[in-house]
N, C-alpha and C. Protein backbone atom coordinates (compact mmCIF):
# COMPACT_ATOMS: atom_id res chain seq x y z
N MET A 1 29.83 26.57 207.83
CA MET A 1 30.74 27.60 207.36
C MET A 1 30.47 28.86 208.18
N SER A 2 31.53 29.49 208.65
CA SER A 2 31.37 30.67 209.49
C SER A 2 31.17 31.91 208.63
N ILE A 3 30.68 32.94 209.27
CA ILE A 3 30.47 34.22 208.58
C ILE A 3 31.79 34.78 208.06
N ARG A 4 32.85 34.52 208.81
CA ARG A 4 34.17 34.99 208.39
C ARG A 4 34.60 34.31 207.07
N SER A 5 34.32 33.02 206.95
CA SER A 5 34.64 32.28 205.72
C SER A 5 33.84 32.81 204.54
N LEU A 6 32.57 33.14 204.79
CA LEU A 6 31.73 33.70 203.73
C LEU A 6 32.28 35.03 203.24
N TYR A 7 32.70 35.88 204.16
CA TYR A 7 33.29 37.16 203.76
C TYR A 7 34.58 36.95 202.97
N GLY A 8 35.37 35.96 203.39
CA GLY A 8 36.61 35.66 202.68
C GLY A 8 36.34 35.18 201.27
N LEU A 9 35.33 34.30 201.11
CA LEU A 9 34.97 33.82 199.78
C LEU A 9 34.42 34.95 198.91
N ALA A 10 33.62 35.82 199.49
CA ALA A 10 33.06 36.95 198.73
C ALA A 10 34.18 37.88 198.27
N ALA A 11 35.13 38.15 199.13
CA ALA A 11 36.25 39.02 198.76
C ALA A 11 37.08 38.38 197.65
N ALA A 12 37.32 37.09 197.75
CA ALA A 12 38.08 36.39 196.71
C ALA A 12 37.33 36.42 195.39
N GLY A 13 36.03 36.25 195.43
CA GLY A 13 35.20 36.30 194.22
C GLY A 13 35.27 37.66 193.56
N ILE A 14 35.21 38.71 194.36
CA ILE A 14 35.28 40.07 193.82
C ILE A 14 36.64 40.30 193.16
N VAL A 15 37.70 39.86 193.79
CA VAL A 15 39.04 40.03 193.23
C VAL A 15 39.15 39.27 191.91
N LEU A 16 38.68 38.03 191.88
CA LEU A 16 38.76 37.24 190.66
C LEU A 16 37.93 37.83 189.53
N CYS A 17 36.76 38.33 189.84
CA CYS A 17 35.90 38.91 188.80
C CYS A 17 36.43 40.23 188.27
N SER A 18 37.18 40.95 189.10
CA SER A 18 37.67 42.25 188.66
C SER A 18 38.97 42.14 187.86
N CYS A 19 39.57 40.96 187.83
CA CYS A 19 40.79 40.78 187.05
C CYS A 19 40.48 40.92 185.56
N GLN A 20 41.40 41.49 184.83
CA GLN A 20 41.22 41.67 183.39
C GLN A 20 41.26 40.31 182.70
N SER A 21 40.21 40.01 181.99
CA SER A 21 40.14 38.77 181.24
C SER A 21 40.92 38.94 179.93
N ASN A 22 41.41 37.86 179.41
CA ASN A 22 42.13 37.89 178.15
C ASN A 22 41.33 37.17 177.07
N THR A 23 40.01 37.20 177.22
CA THR A 23 39.15 36.53 176.25
C THR A 23 38.35 37.57 175.46
N TYR A 24 38.01 37.15 174.25
CA TYR A 24 37.16 37.99 173.41
C TYR A 24 35.90 37.22 173.07
N GLN A 25 34.87 37.96 172.81
CA GLN A 25 33.61 37.38 172.35
C GLN A 25 33.11 38.25 171.21
N ILE A 26 32.75 37.62 170.12
CA ILE A 26 32.19 38.34 168.98
C ILE A 26 30.75 37.89 168.81
N ASP A 27 29.85 38.83 168.99
CA ASP A 27 28.43 38.59 168.72
C ASP A 27 28.15 39.18 167.35
N GLY A 28 27.91 38.31 166.39
CA GLY A 28 27.74 38.76 165.02
C GLY A 28 26.31 38.64 164.53
N TYR A 29 25.96 39.56 163.67
CA TYR A 29 24.65 39.56 163.02
C TYR A 29 24.88 39.53 161.51
N ALA A 30 24.23 38.57 160.86
CA ALA A 30 24.37 38.39 159.42
C ALA A 30 22.99 38.12 158.82
N ARG A 31 22.09 39.06 159.05
CA ARG A 31 20.69 38.88 158.65
C ARG A 31 20.51 38.74 157.14
N SER A 32 21.42 39.29 156.36
CA SER A 32 21.27 39.23 154.91
C SER A 32 21.91 37.97 154.31
N PHE A 33 22.39 37.07 155.17
CA PHE A 33 22.98 35.82 154.70
C PHE A 33 22.05 34.67 155.04
N ALA A 34 22.22 33.56 154.33
CA ALA A 34 21.35 32.40 154.49
C ALA A 34 21.76 31.56 155.69
N GLU A 35 20.81 30.84 156.21
CA GLU A 35 21.05 29.89 157.29
C GLU A 35 22.16 28.92 156.85
N GLY A 36 23.18 28.75 157.69
CA GLY A 36 24.26 27.82 157.39
C GLY A 36 25.42 28.41 156.62
N ASP A 37 25.31 29.66 156.15
CA ASP A 37 26.44 30.28 155.44
C ASP A 37 27.66 30.33 156.36
N THR A 38 28.83 30.16 155.78
CA THR A 38 30.08 30.13 156.54
C THR A 38 30.64 31.54 156.71
N ILE A 39 31.01 31.85 157.95
CA ILE A 39 31.64 33.12 158.30
C ILE A 39 33.04 32.80 158.81
N CYS A 40 34.05 33.49 158.27
CA CYS A 40 35.45 33.23 158.62
C CYS A 40 36.02 34.37 159.45
N LEU A 41 36.78 34.02 160.47
CA LEU A 41 37.55 34.97 161.27
C LEU A 41 38.99 34.80 160.87
N MET A 42 39.66 35.90 160.55
CA MET A 42 41.06 35.81 160.15
C MET A 42 41.86 37.01 160.61
N LYS A 43 43.15 36.75 160.80
CA LYS A 43 44.08 37.84 161.04
C LYS A 43 44.13 38.63 159.75
N GLU A 44 44.13 39.95 159.83
CA GLU A 44 44.08 40.78 158.62
C GLU A 44 45.09 40.32 157.59
N GLY A 45 44.58 39.97 156.40
CA GLY A 45 45.42 39.54 155.30
C GLY A 45 45.86 38.09 155.37
N GLY A 46 45.36 37.33 156.35
CA GLY A 46 45.80 35.94 156.49
C GLY A 46 44.71 34.94 156.19
N ALA A 47 45.00 33.70 156.48
CA ALA A 47 44.06 32.61 156.29
C ALA A 47 43.08 32.56 157.47
N PRO A 48 41.92 31.94 157.28
CA PRO A 48 40.96 31.82 158.39
C PRO A 48 41.56 31.09 159.59
N ILE A 49 41.28 31.62 160.78
CA ILE A 49 41.74 30.97 162.01
C ILE A 49 40.58 30.37 162.78
N ALA A 50 39.36 30.75 162.41
CA ALA A 50 38.16 30.16 163.02
C ALA A 50 37.00 30.32 162.05
N ILE A 51 36.05 29.41 162.16
CA ILE A 51 34.89 29.43 161.28
C ILE A 51 33.63 29.29 162.13
N SER A 52 32.60 30.02 161.71
CA SER A 52 31.28 29.94 162.34
C SER A 52 30.25 29.84 161.22
N THR A 53 29.04 29.49 161.56
CA THR A 53 27.98 29.45 160.56
C THR A 53 26.82 30.33 161.02
N VAL A 54 26.09 30.84 160.06
CA VAL A 54 24.93 31.69 160.35
C VAL A 54 23.80 30.80 160.85
N SER A 55 23.23 31.17 161.96
CA SER A 55 22.08 30.49 162.54
C SER A 55 21.12 31.54 163.07
N ASN A 56 19.93 31.57 162.51
CA ASN A 56 18.93 32.58 162.90
C ASN A 56 19.47 34.00 162.71
N GLY A 57 20.25 34.21 161.66
CA GLY A 57 20.78 35.53 161.36
C GLY A 57 21.94 35.96 162.23
N LYS A 58 22.51 35.03 163.00
CA LYS A 58 23.60 35.35 163.92
C LYS A 58 24.77 34.40 163.73
N PHE A 59 25.94 34.85 164.17
CA PHE A 59 27.14 34.01 164.25
C PHE A 59 27.93 34.48 165.45
N SER A 60 28.87 33.66 165.90
CA SER A 60 29.67 34.08 167.06
C SER A 60 31.04 33.43 167.03
N PHE A 61 31.95 34.08 167.71
CA PHE A 61 33.29 33.57 167.93
C PHE A 61 33.63 33.87 169.38
N TYR A 62 34.43 33.04 169.97
CA TYR A 62 34.85 33.22 171.34
C TYR A 62 36.22 32.59 171.48
N GLY A 63 37.10 33.26 172.18
CA GLY A 63 38.41 32.66 172.38
C GLY A 63 39.32 33.52 173.22
N GLU A 64 40.53 33.04 173.35
CA GLU A 64 41.54 33.77 174.10
C GLU A 64 42.37 34.59 173.11
N ILE A 65 42.67 35.79 173.49
CA ILE A 65 43.43 36.68 172.61
C ILE A 65 44.89 36.26 172.61
N GLN A 66 45.37 35.93 171.42
CA GLN A 66 46.78 35.60 171.25
C GLN A 66 47.59 36.88 171.06
N GLU A 67 47.00 37.79 170.29
CA GLU A 67 47.67 39.06 169.97
C GLU A 67 46.58 40.09 169.63
N THR A 68 46.59 41.21 170.34
CA THR A 68 45.65 42.26 170.00
C THR A 68 46.12 42.87 168.69
N GLY A 69 45.25 42.90 167.73
CA GLY A 69 45.62 43.43 166.43
C GLY A 69 44.39 43.48 165.54
N LEU A 70 44.63 43.82 164.28
CA LEU A 70 43.55 43.95 163.32
C LEU A 70 43.21 42.57 162.74
N TYR A 71 41.95 42.24 162.85
CA TYR A 71 41.41 40.99 162.32
C TYR A 71 40.25 41.36 161.40
N SER A 72 39.71 40.36 160.72
CA SER A 72 38.52 40.62 159.92
C SER A 72 37.61 39.41 159.96
N VAL A 73 36.34 39.68 159.71
CA VAL A 73 35.32 38.65 159.58
C VAL A 73 34.76 38.81 158.18
N MET A 74 34.58 37.69 157.47
CA MET A 74 34.03 37.76 156.12
C MET A 74 33.14 36.56 155.85
N ALA A 75 32.23 36.76 154.92
CA ALA A 75 31.40 35.66 154.46
C ALA A 75 32.19 34.88 153.43
N LYS A 76 32.28 33.56 153.60
CA LYS A 76 33.09 32.73 152.69
C LYS A 76 32.58 32.83 151.25
N LYS A 77 31.26 32.88 151.06
CA LYS A 77 30.72 32.91 149.71
C LYS A 77 30.79 34.31 149.08
N ALA A 78 31.10 35.32 149.89
CA ALA A 78 31.18 36.70 149.38
C ALA A 78 32.33 37.42 150.09
N PRO A 79 33.58 37.15 149.68
CA PRO A 79 34.75 37.73 150.37
C PRO A 79 34.77 39.25 150.43
N ALA A 80 34.07 39.92 149.50
CA ALA A 80 34.03 41.39 149.55
C ALA A 80 33.18 41.87 150.72
N CYS A 81 32.36 40.99 151.27
CA CYS A 81 31.51 41.34 152.41
C CYS A 81 32.27 41.01 153.68
N GLN A 82 33.03 41.99 154.15
CA GLN A 82 33.83 41.78 155.34
C GLN A 82 33.93 43.04 156.15
N VAL A 83 34.40 42.90 157.36
CA VAL A 83 34.62 44.05 158.23
C VAL A 83 35.89 43.79 159.04
N SER A 84 36.69 44.84 159.19
CA SER A 84 37.91 44.76 159.99
C SER A 84 37.61 45.26 161.39
N PHE A 85 38.31 44.70 162.36
CA PHE A 85 38.10 45.09 163.76
C PHE A 85 39.33 44.69 164.56
N PHE A 86 39.41 45.18 165.78
CA PHE A 86 40.51 44.84 166.68
C PHE A 86 40.02 43.82 167.70
N THR A 87 40.79 42.76 167.86
CA THR A 87 40.48 41.83 168.94
C THR A 87 40.99 42.47 170.22
N GLU A 88 40.15 42.48 171.20
CA GLU A 88 40.53 42.97 172.52
C GLU A 88 39.58 42.35 173.52
N PRO A 89 39.97 42.31 174.79
CA PRO A 89 39.09 41.70 175.78
C PRO A 89 37.71 42.37 175.79
N GLY A 90 36.70 41.55 175.88
CA GLY A 90 35.34 42.07 175.95
C GLY A 90 34.48 41.54 174.82
N ILE A 91 33.33 42.16 174.68
CA ILE A 91 32.36 41.74 173.67
C ILE A 91 32.34 42.74 172.52
N THR A 92 32.62 42.24 171.33
CA THR A 92 32.57 43.03 170.11
C THR A 92 31.33 42.62 169.34
N THR A 93 30.58 43.60 168.88
CA THR A 93 29.41 43.33 168.06
C THR A 93 29.74 43.65 166.62
N ILE A 94 29.42 42.71 165.73
CA ILE A 94 29.69 42.90 164.31
C ILE A 94 28.40 42.72 163.53
N GLU A 95 28.11 43.68 162.67
CA GLU A 95 27.01 43.56 161.72
C GLU A 95 27.64 43.30 160.36
N LEU A 96 27.51 42.09 159.87
CA LEU A 96 28.06 41.71 158.57
C LEU A 96 26.93 41.76 157.55
N ASN A 97 27.09 42.61 156.54
CA ASN A 97 26.04 42.79 155.54
C ASN A 97 26.49 42.28 154.19
N SER A 98 25.53 41.88 153.37
CA SER A 98 25.84 41.32 152.06
C SER A 98 26.22 42.38 151.04
N GLN A 99 26.01 43.63 151.35
CA GLN A 99 26.46 44.71 150.46
C GLN A 99 27.82 45.19 150.95
N PRO A 100 28.87 45.05 150.12
CA PRO A 100 30.21 45.47 150.55
C PRO A 100 30.24 46.92 151.04
N GLY A 101 31.01 47.15 152.10
CA GLY A 101 31.18 48.50 152.62
C GLY A 101 30.11 48.94 153.60
N THR A 102 29.16 48.08 153.95
CA THR A 102 28.08 48.49 154.86
C THR A 102 28.14 47.77 156.20
N SER A 103 29.13 46.94 156.41
CA SER A 103 29.26 46.23 157.68
C SER A 103 29.79 47.18 158.75
N ARG A 104 29.49 46.85 160.02
CA ARG A 104 29.86 47.74 161.11
C ARG A 104 30.39 46.93 162.29
N VAL A 105 31.14 47.61 163.15
CA VAL A 105 31.71 47.00 164.35
C VAL A 105 31.55 47.96 165.53
N SER A 106 31.30 47.41 166.71
CA SER A 106 31.16 48.25 167.90
C SER A 106 31.34 47.39 169.15
N GLY A 107 31.28 48.04 170.29
CA GLY A 107 31.24 47.32 171.55
C GLY A 107 32.44 47.49 172.46
N THR A 108 33.63 47.62 171.90
CA THR A 108 34.82 47.83 172.73
C THR A 108 35.42 49.18 172.38
N ARG A 109 36.27 49.67 173.24
CA ARG A 109 36.84 51.01 173.06
C ARG A 109 37.55 51.16 171.71
N LEU A 110 38.44 50.23 171.39
CA LEU A 110 39.19 50.34 170.14
C LEU A 110 38.25 50.24 168.94
N ASN A 111 37.30 49.33 169.00
CA ASN A 111 36.41 49.15 167.85
C ASN A 111 35.44 50.31 167.68
N ASN A 112 35.04 50.94 168.76
CA ASN A 112 34.21 52.15 168.62
C ASN A 112 35.01 53.27 167.96
N GLU A 113 36.27 53.42 168.36
CA GLU A 113 37.15 54.42 167.74
C GLU A 113 37.39 54.09 166.26
N TRP A 114 37.63 52.81 165.97
CA TRP A 114 37.89 52.35 164.61
C TRP A 114 36.68 52.64 163.72
N GLN A 115 35.47 52.34 164.22
CA GLN A 115 34.26 52.58 163.42
C GLN A 115 34.03 54.07 163.22
N GLN A 116 34.30 54.87 164.24
CA GLN A 116 34.16 56.32 164.10
C GLN A 116 35.11 56.85 163.03
N LEU A 117 36.34 56.39 163.03
CA LEU A 117 37.30 56.79 162.00
C LEU A 117 36.83 56.35 160.62
N THR A 118 36.39 55.11 160.51
CA THR A 118 35.90 54.57 159.24
C THR A 118 34.72 55.39 158.72
N ASP A 119 33.79 55.71 159.60
CA ASP A 119 32.61 56.50 159.21
C ASP A 119 33.02 57.89 158.72
N SER A 120 33.95 58.52 159.42
CA SER A 120 34.40 59.87 159.04
C SER A 120 35.07 59.87 157.68
N ILE A 121 35.97 58.93 157.47
CA ILE A 121 36.70 58.86 156.19
C ILE A 121 35.73 58.52 155.06
N GLU A 122 34.81 57.62 155.31
CA GLU A 122 33.83 57.24 154.29
C GLU A 122 32.95 58.42 153.91
N LEU A 123 32.51 59.19 154.87
CA LEU A 123 31.67 60.36 154.61
C LEU A 123 32.41 61.38 153.75
N MET A 124 33.66 61.65 154.09
CA MET A 124 34.44 62.60 153.30
C MET A 124 34.77 62.03 151.92
N GLY A 125 35.00 60.73 151.84
CA GLY A 125 35.25 60.09 150.56
C GLY A 125 34.05 60.18 149.63
N TYR A 126 32.85 60.02 150.17
CA TYR A 126 31.63 60.18 149.37
C TYR A 126 31.52 61.60 148.82
N GLU A 127 31.91 62.56 149.65
CA GLU A 127 31.85 63.96 149.21
C GLU A 127 32.85 64.22 148.08
N VAL A 128 34.05 63.64 148.19
CA VAL A 128 35.04 63.78 147.11
C VAL A 128 34.49 63.17 145.83
N ALA A 129 33.92 61.97 145.93
CA ALA A 129 33.37 61.31 144.75
C ALA A 129 32.23 62.12 144.13
N ARG A 130 31.39 62.69 144.98
CA ARG A 130 30.28 63.52 144.49
C ARG A 130 30.80 64.74 143.74
N LEU A 131 31.81 65.38 144.30
CA LEU A 131 32.39 66.56 143.65
C LEU A 131 33.01 66.21 142.31
N LEU A 132 33.67 65.08 142.23
CA LEU A 132 34.36 64.71 141.00
C LEU A 132 33.42 64.20 139.90
N ARG A 133 32.20 63.87 140.26
CA ARG A 133 31.22 63.45 139.25
C ARG A 133 30.71 64.62 138.42
N HIS A 134 30.93 65.82 138.88
CA HIS A 134 30.46 67.02 138.18
C HIS A 134 31.66 67.86 137.76
N PRO A 135 32.19 67.58 136.58
CA PRO A 135 33.39 68.31 136.14
C PRO A 135 33.13 69.81 135.99
N ALA A 136 34.17 70.55 136.23
CA ALA A 136 34.09 72.02 136.14
C ALA A 136 34.04 72.45 134.68
N ALA A 137 33.28 73.53 134.43
CA ALA A 137 33.08 74.04 133.07
C ALA A 137 34.24 74.92 132.60
N ASP A 138 34.89 75.59 133.53
CA ASP A 138 35.98 76.49 133.14
C ASP A 138 37.11 76.38 134.16
N THR A 139 38.20 77.08 133.89
CA THR A 139 39.38 76.97 134.75
C THR A 139 39.15 77.52 136.15
N THR A 140 38.34 78.54 136.28
CA THR A 140 38.05 79.10 137.61
C THR A 140 37.27 78.08 138.44
N ALA A 141 36.26 77.47 137.85
CA ALA A 141 35.47 76.45 138.54
C ALA A 141 36.32 75.21 138.82
N GLN A 142 37.22 74.89 137.88
CA GLN A 142 38.09 73.74 138.06
C GLN A 142 39.04 73.97 139.24
N LYS A 143 39.54 75.18 139.37
CA LYS A 143 40.43 75.51 140.48
C LYS A 143 39.67 75.45 141.81
N ALA A 144 38.43 75.95 141.83
CA ALA A 144 37.61 75.90 143.03
C ALA A 144 37.32 74.45 143.43
N LEU A 145 37.02 73.62 142.44
CA LEU A 145 36.75 72.20 142.68
C LEU A 145 38.00 71.52 143.25
N ALA A 146 39.15 71.80 142.65
CA ALA A 146 40.40 71.21 143.13
C ALA A 146 40.68 71.64 144.57
N ASN A 147 40.38 72.89 144.91
CA ASN A 147 40.58 73.37 146.28
C ASN A 147 39.66 72.65 147.26
N ARG A 148 38.42 72.41 146.86
CA ARG A 148 37.47 71.71 147.74
C ARG A 148 37.90 70.27 147.97
N VAL A 149 38.34 69.60 146.90
CA VAL A 149 38.81 68.22 147.02
C VAL A 149 40.06 68.17 147.88
N ASP A 150 40.99 69.10 147.67
CA ASP A 150 42.20 69.16 148.47
C ASP A 150 41.87 69.38 149.95
N SER A 151 40.92 70.25 150.21
CA SER A 151 40.49 70.51 151.59
C SER A 151 39.94 69.24 152.25
N LEU A 152 39.16 68.48 151.51
CA LEU A 152 38.62 67.23 152.06
C LEU A 152 39.74 66.22 152.31
N HIS A 153 40.71 66.13 151.42
CA HIS A 153 41.84 65.22 151.63
C HIS A 153 42.63 65.63 152.88
N ARG A 154 42.79 66.91 153.08
CA ARG A 154 43.49 67.39 154.28
C ARG A 154 42.72 67.03 155.54
N ARG A 155 41.39 67.20 155.48
CA ARG A 155 40.55 66.85 156.63
C ARG A 155 40.62 65.36 156.93
N MET A 156 40.66 64.53 155.89
CA MET A 156 40.81 63.08 156.09
C MET A 156 42.12 62.77 156.81
N SER A 157 43.19 63.38 156.35
CA SER A 157 44.49 63.14 156.94
C SER A 157 44.52 63.58 158.40
N VAL A 158 43.96 64.75 158.69
CA VAL A 158 43.91 65.25 160.07
C VAL A 158 43.09 64.29 160.94
N CYS A 159 41.99 63.80 160.42
CA CYS A 159 41.14 62.87 161.15
C CYS A 159 41.93 61.60 161.51
N ILE A 160 42.65 61.06 160.55
CA ILE A 160 43.44 59.85 160.77
C ILE A 160 44.55 60.12 161.80
N LEU A 161 45.25 61.23 161.63
CA LEU A 161 46.35 61.56 162.54
C LEU A 161 45.84 61.85 163.95
N ASN A 162 44.69 62.50 164.08
CA ASN A 162 44.12 62.75 165.41
C ASN A 162 43.73 61.45 166.10
N THR A 163 43.17 60.53 165.34
CA THR A 163 42.82 59.22 165.91
C THR A 163 44.08 58.50 166.36
N ALA A 164 45.13 58.56 165.56
CA ALA A 164 46.40 57.93 165.95
C ALA A 164 46.95 58.57 167.22
N GLN A 165 46.87 59.89 167.32
CA GLN A 165 47.38 60.59 168.50
C GLN A 165 46.59 60.23 169.76
N ARG A 166 45.26 60.21 169.64
CA ARG A 166 44.40 59.86 170.78
C ARG A 166 44.66 58.43 171.25
N ASN A 167 45.09 57.58 170.35
CA ASN A 167 45.26 56.16 170.65
C ASN A 167 46.72 55.71 170.59
N LYS A 168 47.64 56.64 170.78
CA LYS A 168 49.06 56.34 170.58
C LYS A 168 49.58 55.22 171.48
N ALA A 169 48.94 54.98 172.60
CA ALA A 169 49.42 53.96 173.53
C ALA A 169 48.71 52.62 173.37
N ASN A 170 47.88 52.48 172.33
CA ASN A 170 47.17 51.22 172.17
C ASN A 170 47.34 50.70 170.73
N PRO A 171 46.85 49.50 170.47
CA PRO A 171 47.05 48.89 169.14
C PRO A 171 46.46 49.68 167.97
N LEU A 172 45.39 50.42 168.17
CA LEU A 172 44.82 51.22 167.08
C LEU A 172 45.80 52.31 166.67
N GLY A 173 46.31 53.06 167.63
CA GLY A 173 47.27 54.11 167.32
C GLY A 173 48.54 53.55 166.70
N LYS A 174 49.00 52.42 167.22
CA LYS A 174 50.20 51.79 166.66
C LYS A 174 49.94 51.33 165.23
N TYR A 175 48.76 50.76 164.97
CA TYR A 175 48.42 50.31 163.62
C TYR A 175 48.44 51.48 162.64
N ILE A 176 47.81 52.59 163.02
CA ILE A 176 47.78 53.76 162.14
C ILE A 176 49.20 54.28 161.89
N ASN A 177 49.98 54.41 162.96
CA ASN A 177 51.34 54.92 162.81
C ASN A 177 52.21 54.02 161.94
N GLU A 178 51.97 52.72 161.97
CA GLU A 178 52.75 51.79 161.15
C GLU A 178 52.27 51.72 159.70
N ASN A 179 51.01 52.03 159.45
CA ASN A 179 50.43 51.79 158.12
C ASN A 179 49.96 53.03 157.37
N TYR A 180 49.96 54.18 158.01
CA TYR A 180 49.48 55.38 157.33
C TYR A 180 50.63 56.36 157.12
N LYS A 181 50.81 56.74 155.90
CA LYS A 181 51.80 57.77 155.58
C LYS A 181 51.02 59.00 155.13
N ALA A 182 51.08 60.03 155.94
CA ALA A 182 50.36 61.26 155.63
C ALA A 182 50.92 61.88 154.36
N PRO A 183 50.03 62.31 153.46
CA PRO A 183 50.52 62.95 152.23
C PRO A 183 51.19 64.29 152.54
N GLU A 184 52.08 64.68 151.67
CA GLU A 184 52.71 65.99 151.81
C GLU A 184 51.92 66.96 150.93
N PHE A 185 51.13 67.79 151.59
CA PHE A 185 50.31 68.76 150.87
C PHE A 185 51.13 69.98 150.50
N LYS A 186 50.79 70.56 149.34
CA LYS A 186 51.50 71.75 148.88
C LYS A 186 50.78 73.00 149.31
């Protein structure tokens, strides 16, 4: 084989490797689940489309993306233990925990944005719940409490709308725009 052929093969390899793949890989961690527990991958709100089992605290899925959109992974024995994420080319890391609401997703651009939004809304939601656990003693305190809760709701809405705006050209922004109706504040 001549040196020219080697250069041609190297150039072809570089071109092929740089092409956008249409495959996804999910590296999952389910340390709080038992060996052999069933983990389901499903289109959001649909039936399972793939199944994996926990082995050494891990599970995985791999495939070709049919449609970039919102999917979820859940433990079959504990459906409340699930996490939503976007399928997109690349490697997505999922931490599936046995306590509902503590699972996490990361690794790809959309999923990092999705987790950041989820974390922000959850943090503000905890603050609203904390405020509402301590009822106001009088009307002045009640009005102040209502103003603080209203302010947090406004911040949540702005956070969601900003995420939609930043991602308007991708499936995350489209999902928010199709599914979120901003409240009309007075």
